Amino acid sequence: MMRFGKRELFICRDFYKRLYRSNPLIECNAGIQAGHLEILLFRKWLVVMSKAH
């Protein structure tokens, strides 16, 4: 996890099995909590940007 001012960046492998066909390069979604942005890279890596606490 890295912190940039008021934002946090978290990168991990994505083990969630998606029930829909995702874009093979990059896909962006709103996260579960307000202020979160989830970016799926190459269907394997999950990048989560959130507000720092």
N, C-alpha and C. Protein backbone atom coordinates (compact mmCIF):
# COMPACT_ATOMS: atom_id res chain seq x y z
N MET A 1 0.86 -1.17 0.00
CA MET A 1 0.00 0.00 0.00
C MET A 1 0.90 1.23 0.00
N MET A 2 0.54 2.20 -0.83
CA MET A 2 1.28 3.45 -0.89
C MET A 2 0.30 4.60 -0.67
N ARG A 3 0.81 5.67 -0.12
CA ARG A 3 -0.03 6.82 0.18
C ARG A 3 0.47 8.03 -0.59
N PHE A 4 -0.46 8.73 -1.26
CA PHE A 4 -0.17 9.95 -2.00
C PHE A 4 -1.10 11.04 -1.51
N GLY A 5 -0.66 11.82 -0.55
CA GLY A 5 -1.50 12.88 -0.01
C GLY A 5 -2.74 12.32 0.65
N LYS A 6 -3.92 12.63 0.10
CA LYS A 6 -5.18 12.16 0.67
C LYS A 6 -5.65 10.85 0.05
N ARG A 7 -4.84 10.22 -0.79
CA ARG A 7 -5.23 8.98 -1.45
C ARG A 7 -4.30 7.83 -1.08
N GLU A 8 -4.86 6.63 -1.07
CA GLU A 8 -4.08 5.42 -0.86
C GLU A 8 -4.18 4.56 -2.11
N LEU A 9 -3.11 3.88 -2.46
CA LEU A 9 -3.06 3.01 -3.62
C LEU A 9 -2.68 1.61 -3.14
N PHE A 10 -3.50 0.63 -3.46
CA PHE A 10 -3.28 -0.75 -3.05
C PHE A 10 -3.29 -1.63 -4.29
N ILE A 11 -2.26 -2.46 -4.47
CA ILE A 11 -2.14 -3.34 -5.63
C ILE A 11 -2.04 -4.78 -5.16
N CYS A 12 -2.85 -5.67 -5.75
CA CYS A 12 -2.81 -7.09 -5.37
C CYS A 12 -3.30 -7.94 -6.54
N ARG A 13 -3.09 -9.26 -6.43
CA ARG A 13 -3.64 -10.18 -7.43
C ARG A 13 -5.13 -10.28 -7.21
N ASP A 14 -5.87 -10.40 -8.28
CA ASP A 14 -7.33 -10.51 -8.19
C ASP A 14 -7.72 -11.98 -8.32
N PHE A 15 -8.25 -12.56 -7.24
CA PHE A 15 -8.67 -13.95 -7.24
C PHE A 15 -10.18 -14.10 -7.35
N TYR A 16 -10.89 -12.97 -7.48
CA TYR A 16 -12.34 -12.99 -7.57
C TYR A 16 -12.77 -13.52 -8.93
N LYS A 17 -13.66 -14.49 -8.95
CA LYS A 17 -14.17 -15.03 -10.21
C LYS A 17 -15.34 -14.17 -10.67
N ARG A 18 -15.14 -13.48 -11.76
CA ARG A 18 -16.17 -12.58 -12.28
C ARG A 18 -17.17 -13.37 -13.10
N LEU A 19 -18.45 -13.05 -12.95
CA LEU A 19 -19.52 -13.74 -13.66
C LEU A 19 -19.82 -13.11 -15.01
N TYR A 20 -19.05 -12.13 -15.39
CA TYR A 20 -19.22 -11.45 -16.67
C TYR A 20 -17.86 -11.40 -17.38
N ARG A 21 -17.88 -11.19 -18.65
CA ARG A 21 -16.64 -11.10 -19.42
C ARG A 21 -16.08 -9.69 -19.28
N SER A 22 -14.90 -9.58 -18.71
CA SER A 22 -14.29 -8.27 -18.50
C SER A 22 -13.37 -7.91 -19.66
N ASN A 23 -13.06 -6.66 -19.76
CA ASN A 23 -12.16 -6.16 -20.78
C ASN A 23 -10.77 -6.78 -20.56
N PRO A 24 -10.09 -7.26 -21.61
CA PRO A 24 -8.81 -7.94 -21.41
C PRO A 24 -7.67 -7.03 -20.96
N LEU A 25 -7.75 -5.72 -21.18
CA LEU A 25 -6.65 -4.83 -20.80
C LEU A 25 -6.90 -4.10 -19.49
N ILE A 26 -7.95 -3.30 -19.45
CA ILE A 26 -8.22 -2.48 -18.26
C ILE A 26 -9.71 -2.30 -18.08
N GLU A 27 -10.15 -2.34 -16.84
CA GLU A 27 -11.57 -2.13 -16.53
C GLU A 27 -11.65 -1.35 -15.22
N CYS A 28 -12.48 -0.33 -15.19
CA CYS A 28 -12.64 0.52 -14.01
C CYS A 28 -14.04 0.37 -13.44
N ASN A 29 -14.13 0.30 -12.11
CA ASN A 29 -15.42 0.20 -11.42
C ASN A 29 -15.37 1.07 -10.18
N ALA A 30 -16.54 1.48 -9.75
CA ALA A 30 -16.64 2.13 -8.44
C ALA A 30 -16.50 1.05 -7.38
N GLY A 31 -15.81 1.36 -6.32
CA GLY A 31 -15.61 0.39 -5.25
C GLY A 31 -16.84 0.23 -4.38
N ILE A 32 -16.73 -0.64 -3.39
CA ILE A 32 -17.84 -0.91 -2.49
C ILE A 32 -18.13 0.30 -1.62
N GLN A 33 -17.09 0.95 -1.12
CA GLN A 33 -17.26 2.12 -0.26
C GLN A 33 -17.17 3.40 -1.08
N ALA A 34 -17.72 4.46 -0.56
CA ALA A 34 -17.67 5.75 -1.24
C ALA A 34 -16.21 6.23 -1.33
N GLY A 35 -15.83 6.76 -2.48
CA GLY A 35 -14.47 7.26 -2.66
C GLY A 35 -13.48 6.22 -3.14
N HIS A 36 -13.92 4.99 -3.39
CA HIS A 36 -13.03 3.94 -3.89
C HIS A 36 -13.15 3.80 -5.40
N LEU A 37 -12.04 3.53 -6.04
CA LEU A 37 -11.99 3.25 -7.47
C LEU A 37 -11.19 1.97 -7.65
N GLU A 38 -11.79 0.99 -8.32
CA GLU A 38 -11.11 -0.28 -8.56
C GLU A 38 -10.77 -0.38 -10.04
N ILE A 39 -9.51 -0.69 -10.33
CA ILE A 39 -9.03 -0.83 -11.69
C ILE A 39 -8.49 -2.25 -11.84
N LEU A 40 -9.02 -2.99 -12.79
CA LEU A 40 -8.57 -4.35 -13.06
C LEU A 40 -7.67 -4.31 -14.30
N LEU A 41 -6.41 -4.73 -14.12
CA LEU A 41 -5.43 -4.72 -15.21
C LEU A 41 -5.17 -6.13 -15.69
N PHE A 42 -5.30 -6.36 -16.98
CA PHE A 42 -5.01 -7.65 -17.62
C PHE A 42 -5.74 -8.82 -16.97
N ARG A 43 -6.90 -8.55 -16.37
CA ARG A 43 -7.74 -9.55 -15.70
C ARG A 43 -7.05 -10.27 -14.55
N LYS A 44 -5.90 -9.76 -14.10
CA LYS A 44 -5.16 -10.43 -13.02
C LYS A 44 -4.81 -9.51 -11.86
N TRP A 45 -4.56 -8.25 -12.12
CA TRP A 45 -4.10 -7.34 -11.07
C TRP A 45 -5.20 -6.34 -10.73
N LEU A 46 -5.43 -6.17 -9.45
CA LEU A 46 -6.44 -5.24 -8.96
C LEU A 46 -5.74 -4.06 -8.29
N VAL A 47 -6.06 -2.86 -8.77
CA VAL A 47 -5.51 -1.62 -8.21
C VAL A 47 -6.69 -0.88 -7.57
N VAL A 48 -6.59 -0.60 -6.28
CA VAL A 48 -7.66 0.08 -5.56
C VAL A 48 -7.14 1.43 -5.10
N MET A 49 -7.84 2.50 -5.50
CA MET A 49 -7.53 3.84 -5.04
C MET A 49 -8.64 4.26 -4.09
N SER A 50 -8.25 4.75 -2.92
CA SER A 50 -9.25 5.13 -1.93
C SER A 50 -8.80 6.37 -1.17
N LYS A 51 -9.72 6.96 -0.43
CA LYS A 51 -9.39 8.08 0.42
C LYS A 51 -8.63 7.57 1.64
N ALA A 52 -7.58 8.28 2.02
CA ALA A 52 -6.79 7.87 3.19
C ALA A 52 -7.55 8.21 4.46
N HIS A 53 -7.40 7.37 5.45
CA HIS A 53 -8.09 7.59 6.74
C HIS A 53 -7.18 8.27 7.72
